[in-house]
Amino acid sequence: MNEIIAILAAAVVAAGGFVWRNKLVTKLKAIENPTKKDKRIRKLASLLIGAALYVVVTQLIILIFGEPDKRAISVELAPARMNFLGLDISETILYSWVIILGLILLALILRVTVIRHLKDEPSGVQNVLELMIEKITQYTKSTAHGVGDFFAAYVFSVAAFLVGCSVVELFGFRTPASDITMTGALAILSFIFINIYGFRVKGFGGRVKSMATPTAFILPIRIVTDLAVPVSLASRLFGNMLGGLVIMDLLYTALGSYAVGIPSVAGLYFNVFHPLLQAFIFVTLTLKFINEATE
């Protein structure tokens, strides 16, 4: 009964707002130079109509499907564990395997359908692939001097994996990037490459000497600083991705029955743009650290 009353009231408000807005539009057309106040009132009428229609839609959903179950916010730092083929693993590990398998299958499909039939004048998918590889290679070499094409491939692989993590989150699953063990593994791998390139470019003696410049007293500090690099990379990615997960849960809980449409719009940022931004930051910081190690 309450839902029906709310729907009728909101429908009346929406209809009244529609009539009011039409009158304002007619008035503004008659005025040669409308003021900002007049335009602001028209926007207010549009907001009123939108809010009323939103109430109508949400109350209709409640009327048809009933009230959603109320739940308390519960965020676990460690992901849930599950049994998979006799293995006790976390759900994010399983999602990571799915992402890796998906990337391998995509690479095989491209190998058979596109790379096998490369043309001198690229078009379609080949054009997109060449453009992506060219941009990533240019960015890698311009950000970290002295690295070869191999590291561009590593950067591309990390970026593709993190994009896969954002796709997993779009389907309502916990992103592997919100698991500190996964971000730690990526950070340790990047840390290994940072030091490999540092020793390869400068040699062992040159690398130690650069860390002891301008005085040998700062060598222990530089060692501790370098050891903190993987901790920083892992914690930054983990904290930002977990934060996005918590914010989306807070939004769903706060809206309750009105969680229609708004979470989808917020999800475009927290489930799409935000993960892509974090992938870019992770890759850029890795390249910056390599550049410092090879200078």
Protein backbone atom coordinates (compact mmCIF):
# COMPACT_ATOMS: atom_id res chain seq x y z
CA MET A 1 0.00 0.00 0.00
CA ASN A 2 2.80 2.41 0.90
CA GLU A 3 4.49 1.70 -2.42
CA ILE A 4 1.32 2.50 -4.38
CA ILE A 5 0.91 5.81 -2.52
CA ALA A 6 4.56 6.69 -3.17
CA ILE A 7 4.20 5.84 -6.88
CA LEU A 8 1.07 7.95 -7.27
CA ALA A 9 2.58 10.89 -5.37
CA ALA A 10 5.81 10.73 -7.37
CA ALA A 11 3.85 10.46 -10.64
CA VAL A 12 1.85 13.59 -9.73
CA VAL A 13 5.07 15.46 -8.89
CA ALA A 14 6.66 14.32 -12.18
CA ALA A 15 3.61 15.43 -14.17
CA GLY A 16 3.56 18.78 -12.36
CA GLY A 17 7.27 19.22 -12.95
CA PHE A 18 6.82 18.41 -16.64
CA VAL A 19 4.10 21.07 -17.00
CA TRP A 20 6.21 23.57 -15.04
CA ARG A 21 9.26 22.90 -17.21
CA ASN A 22 7.27 23.31 -20.44
CA LYS A 23 6.05 26.70 -19.26
CA LEU A 24 9.60 27.71 -18.37
CA VAL A 25 10.89 26.61 -21.78
CA THR A 26 8.15 28.62 -23.52
CA LYS A 27 9.00 31.63 -21.37
CA LEU A 28 12.72 31.35 -22.10
CA LYS A 29 12.08 31.18 -25.85
CA ALA A 30 10.10 34.40 -25.63
CA ILE A 31 12.95 36.17 -23.77
CA GLU A 32 15.73 37.44 -26.01
CA ASN A 33 18.45 37.26 -23.34
CA PRO A 34 17.38 34.93 -20.51
CA THR A 35 19.20 35.34 -17.22
CA LYS A 36 21.18 32.66 -15.45
CA LYS A 37 18.45 32.54 -12.80
CA ASP A 38 15.84 31.64 -15.42
CA LYS A 39 18.07 28.83 -16.78
CA ARG A 40 18.76 27.63 -13.26
CA ILE A 41 15.03 27.33 -12.56
CA ARG A 42 14.62 25.24 -15.72
CA LYS A 43 17.38 22.91 -14.56
CA LEU A 44 15.68 22.68 -11.17
CA ALA A 45 12.46 21.60 -12.87
CA SER A 46 14.38 18.93 -14.84
CA LEU A 47 15.96 17.63 -11.62
CA LEU A 48 12.54 17.49 -9.98
CA ILE A 49 11.15 15.42 -12.86
CA GLY A 50 14.17 13.08 -12.78
CA ALA A 51 13.94 12.57 -9.00
CA ALA A 52 10.20 11.87 -9.17
CA LEU A 53 10.61 9.35 -12.00
CA TYR A 54 13.43 7.68 -10.06
CA VAL A 55 11.09 7.20 -7.09
CA VAL A 56 8.42 5.77 -9.41
CA VAL A 57 10.85 3.22 -10.90
CA THR A 58 12.31 2.12 -7.55
CA GLN A 59 8.90 1.78 -5.91
CA LEU A 60 7.60 -0.22 -8.87
CA ILE A 61 10.54 -2.62 -8.50
CA ILE A 62 9.81 -2.98 -4.78
CA LEU A 63 6.12 -3.52 -5.51
CA ILE A 64 6.88 -6.28 -8.05
CA PHE A 65 9.85 -8.03 -6.46
CA GLY A 66 9.53 -7.02 -2.81
CA GLU A 67 11.97 -5.32 -0.46
CA PRO A 68 15.61 -6.40 -0.86
CA ASP A 69 17.17 -8.22 2.04
CA LYS A 70 18.92 -5.89 4.44
CA ARG A 71 22.54 -6.78 4.96
CA ALA A 72 25.31 -5.55 7.16
CA ILE A 73 28.50 -4.33 5.55
CA SER A 74 31.19 -6.96 5.89
CA VAL A 75 34.53 -6.46 4.16
CA GLU A 76 37.21 -9.10 4.56
CA LEU A 77 40.80 -8.17 3.81
CA ALA A 78 41.47 -11.79 2.89
CA PRO A 79 39.26 -13.19 0.10
CA ALA A 80 36.99 -16.16 0.72
CA ARG A 81 38.54 -19.59 0.28
CA MET A 82 37.07 -22.41 -1.76
CA ASN A 83 37.74 -26.01 -2.74
CA PHE A 84 38.67 -26.41 -6.39
CA LEU A 85 39.61 -29.86 -7.68
CA GLY A 86 40.78 -30.81 -4.20
CA LEU A 87 42.81 -27.62 -3.77
CA ASP A 88 42.05 -25.16 -0.98
CA ILE A 89 42.54 -21.82 -2.73
CA SER A 90 41.17 -18.30 -2.45
CA GLU A 91 38.51 -17.19 -4.89
CA THR A 92 40.80 -14.48 -6.28
CA ILE A 93 43.38 -17.12 -7.24
CA LEU A 94 40.69 -18.92 -9.23
CA TYR A 95 39.65 -15.67 -10.91
CA SER A 96 43.31 -14.97 -11.72
CA TRP A 97 43.58 -18.36 -13.42
CA VAL A 98 40.42 -17.60 -15.40
CA ILE A 99 41.85 -14.24 -16.51
CA ILE A 100 45.18 -15.82 -17.51
CA LEU A 101 43.37 -18.59 -19.41
CA GLY A 102 41.23 -15.99 -21.16
CA LEU A 103 44.30 -13.97 -22.18
CA ILE A 104 46.04 -17.11 -23.47
CA LEU A 105 42.99 -18.08 -25.52
CA LEU A 106 42.72 -14.54 -26.88
CA ALA A 107 46.41 -14.59 -27.82
CA LEU A 108 46.00 -17.96 -29.60
CA ILE A 109 42.96 -16.71 -31.49
CA LEU A 110 44.85 -13.59 -32.60
CA ARG A 111 47.85 -15.75 -33.54
CA VAL A 112 45.73 -17.91 -35.83
CA THR A 113 43.35 -15.31 -37.26
CA VAL A 114 45.41 -12.10 -37.43
CA ILE A 115 49.15 -12.59 -36.95
CA ARG A 116 49.32 -15.47 -39.42
CA HIS A 117 47.81 -13.21 -42.09
CA LEU A 118 49.66 -9.96 -41.47
CA LYS A 119 49.49 -7.37 -44.27
CA ASP A 120 51.88 -4.61 -45.30
CA GLU A 121 49.01 -2.15 -45.05
CA PRO A 122 47.28 -2.95 -41.75
CA SER A 123 43.55 -2.63 -41.28
CA GLY A 124 40.95 -3.68 -38.77
CA VAL A 125 42.24 -5.73 -35.82
CA GLN A 126 45.83 -5.71 -37.11
CA ASN A 127 45.78 -1.92 -37.16
CA VAL A 128 44.54 -1.80 -33.55
CA LEU A 129 47.17 -4.31 -32.39
CA GLU A 130 50.03 -2.49 -34.11
CA LEU A 131 48.86 0.83 -32.69
CA MET A 132 48.67 -0.60 -29.14
CA ILE A 133 52.11 -2.23 -29.40
CA GLU A 134 53.65 0.91 -30.89
CA LYS A 135 52.25 3.20 -28.17
CA ILE A 136 53.24 0.88 -25.32
CA THR A 137 56.76 0.41 -26.72
CA GLN A 138 57.19 4.16 -27.15
CA TYR A 139 55.91 4.88 -23.65
CA THR A 140 58.12 2.18 -22.11
CA LYS A 141 61.29 3.37 -23.81
CA SER A 142 60.57 7.06 -23.17
CA THR A 143 59.83 6.50 -19.47
CA ALA A 144 62.56 3.94 -18.71
CA HIS A 145 65.72 4.41 -20.76
CA GLY A 146 67.82 1.42 -21.66
CA VAL A 147 65.09 -1.22 -21.57
CA GLY A 148 64.48 -3.45 -24.56
CA ASP A 149 61.38 -4.61 -26.36
CA PHE A 150 61.06 -7.48 -23.88
CA PHE A 151 60.08 -5.14 -21.07
CA ALA A 152 57.43 -3.53 -23.27
CA ALA A 153 55.94 -7.03 -23.60
CA TYR A 154 56.00 -7.42 -19.79
CA VAL A 155 54.31 -4.03 -19.34
CA PHE A 156 51.66 -4.98 -21.89
CA SER A 157 51.05 -8.31 -20.12
CA VAL A 158 50.65 -6.66 -16.70
CA ALA A 159 48.30 -4.04 -18.13
CA ALA A 160 46.23 -6.73 -19.90
CA PHE A 161 45.98 -8.77 -16.70
CA LEU A 162 44.84 -5.77 -14.66
CA VAL A 163 42.28 -4.92 -17.34
CA GLY A 164 41.06 -8.52 -16.99
CA CYS A 165 40.74 -7.92 -13.24
CA SER A 166 38.44 -4.96 -13.92
CA VAL A 167 36.32 -7.11 -16.27
CA VAL A 168 35.93 -9.71 -13.50
CA GLU A 169 34.76 -6.99 -11.12
CA LEU A 170 32.16 -5.81 -13.64
CA PHE A 171 30.47 -9.21 -13.31
CA GLY A 172 30.14 -8.79 -9.54
CA PHE A 173 33.11 -10.94 -8.50
CA ARG A 174 35.91 -9.80 -6.23
CA THR A 175 38.77 -8.49 -8.35
CA PRO A 176 42.10 -10.34 -7.89
CA ALA A 177 43.72 -6.91 -7.57
CA SER A 178 42.04 -6.55 -4.14
CA ASP A 179 44.08 -9.53 -2.87
CA ILE A 180 47.41 -8.49 -1.31
CA THR A 181 49.01 -11.81 -2.33
CA MET A 182 48.33 -11.12 -6.01
CA THR A 183 49.48 -7.50 -5.92
CA GLY A 184 52.49 -8.64 -3.89
CA ALA A 185 53.39 -11.21 -6.56
CA LEU A 186 53.19 -8.56 -9.29
CA ALA A 187 55.25 -6.14 -7.19
CA ILE A 188 57.96 -8.74 -6.47
CA LEU A 189 58.17 -9.62 -10.16
CA SER A 190 58.53 -5.94 -11.05
CA PHE A 191 61.15 -5.55 -8.29
CA ILE A 192 63.17 -8.42 -9.79
CA PHE A 193 63.09 -6.79 -13.23
CA ILE A 194 64.08 -3.43 -11.75
CA ASN A 195 67.24 -4.91 -10.26
CA ILE A 196 67.99 -7.10 -13.28
CA TYR A 197 68.06 -4.05 -15.52
CA GLY A 198 69.98 -2.04 -12.93
CA PHE A 199 72.75 -4.67 -12.68
CA ARG A 200 72.74 -5.32 -16.43
CA VAL A 201 73.20 -1.65 -17.35
CA LYS A 202 75.65 -0.64 -14.58
CA GLY A 203 77.17 -3.94 -13.52
CA PHE A 204 77.36 -5.06 -9.89
CA GLY A 205 80.03 -2.56 -8.91
CA GLY A 206 78.37 0.33 -10.73
CA ARG A 207 75.01 -0.43 -9.17
CA VAL A 208 76.47 -0.54 -5.65
CA LYS A 209 78.50 2.61 -6.32
CA SER A 210 75.41 4.51 -7.52
CA MET A 211 73.59 3.49 -4.34
CA ALA A 212 76.50 4.74 -2.23
CA THR A 213 76.62 8.15 -3.94
CA PRO A 214 77.47 10.79 -2.73
CA THR A 215 78.67 9.03 0.44
CA ALA A 216 78.89 5.41 1.57
CA PHE A 217 76.89 6.25 4.70
CA ILE A 218 73.64 6.35 2.71
CA LEU A 219 74.14 2.84 1.27
CA PRO A 220 72.11 1.11 4.05
CA ILE A 221 69.36 3.70 3.63
CA ARG A 222 69.27 3.12 -0.13
CA ILE A 223 69.07 -0.64 0.40
CA VAL A 224 66.13 -0.25 2.77
CA THR A 225 64.52 2.20 0.34
CA ASP A 226 64.87 -0.26 -2.55
CA LEU A 227 63.48 -3.11 -0.45
CA ALA A 228 60.45 -0.92 0.28
CA VAL A 229 59.67 -0.61 -3.45
CA PRO A 230 57.70 -3.89 -3.80
CA VAL A 231 55.88 -3.16 -0.53
CA SER A 232 54.89 0.26 -1.86
CA LEU A 233 53.78 -1.06 -5.26
CA ALA A 234 51.76 -3.92 -3.76
CA SER A 235 50.14 -1.84 -1.02
CA ARG A 236 49.21 1.01 -3.34
CA LEU A 237 47.43 -1.24 -5.85
CA PHE A 238 45.82 -3.38 -3.13
CA GLY A 239 44.61 -0.40 -1.08
CA ASN A 240 43.10 1.46 -4.01
CA MET A 241 41.31 -1.58 -5.42
CA LEU A 242 40.00 -2.66 -2.00
CA GLY A 243 38.88 0.92 -1.37
CA GLY A 244 36.80 0.90 -4.56
CA LEU A 245 35.25 -2.41 -3.47
CA VAL A 246 34.32 -0.97 -0.05
CA ILE A 247 32.84 2.21 -1.55
CA MET A 248 30.57 0.23 -3.88
CA ASP A 249 29.35 -1.90 -0.95
CA LEU A 250 28.71 1.25 1.09
CA LEU A 251 26.76 2.75 -1.80
CA TYR A 252 24.56 -0.33 -2.21
CA THR A 253 23.91 -0.49 1.55
CA ALA A 254 23.22 3.24 1.92
CA LEU A 255 20.75 3.33 -1.00
CA GLY A 256 18.97 0.15 0.08
CA SER A 257 15.74 -0.12 -1.91
CA TYR A 258 16.79 2.82 -4.09
CA ALA A 259 19.93 1.10 -5.40
CA VAL A 260 18.77 1.36 -9.00
CA GLY A 261 20.78 3.07 -11.71
CA ILE A 262 23.04 5.08 -9.38
CA PRO A 263 25.34 2.12 -8.53
CA SER A 264 25.67 1.40 -12.26
CA VAL A 265 26.84 4.94 -12.93
CA ALA A 266 29.25 4.81 -9.99
CA GLY A 267 30.43 1.42 -11.23
CA LEU A 268 31.61 3.02 -14.47
CA TYR A 269 34.24 4.77 -12.35
CA PHE A 270 35.00 2.27 -9.60
CA ASN A 271 34.80 -0.84 -11.82
CA VAL A 272 36.12 0.52 -15.12
CA PHE A 273 38.00 3.83 -15.01
CA HIS A 274 39.48 3.38 -11.54
CA PRO A 275 41.06 -0.08 -12.22
CA LEU A 276 42.46 1.14 -15.55
CA LEU A 277 43.93 4.17 -13.80
CA GLN A 278 45.54 1.95 -11.14
CA ALA A 279 46.98 -0.30 -13.87
CA PHE A 280 48.52 2.76 -15.54
CA ILE A 281 49.96 3.98 -12.22
CA PHE A 282 51.44 0.55 -11.40
CA VAL A 283 53.10 0.30 -14.81
CA THR A 284 54.37 3.89 -14.71
CA LEU A 285 55.87 3.52 -11.23
CA THR A 286 57.60 0.30 -12.31
CA LEU A 287 59.14 2.11 -15.29
CA LYS A 288 60.17 5.06 -13.10
CA PHE A 289 61.95 2.75 -10.66
CA ILE A 290 63.74 1.03 -13.54
CA ASN A 291 64.80 4.40 -14.86
CA GLU A 292 66.23 5.30 -11.45
CA ALA A 293 68.07 1.97 -11.27
CA THR A 294 69.66 2.42 -14.69
CA GLU A 295 70.56 6.14 -14.50
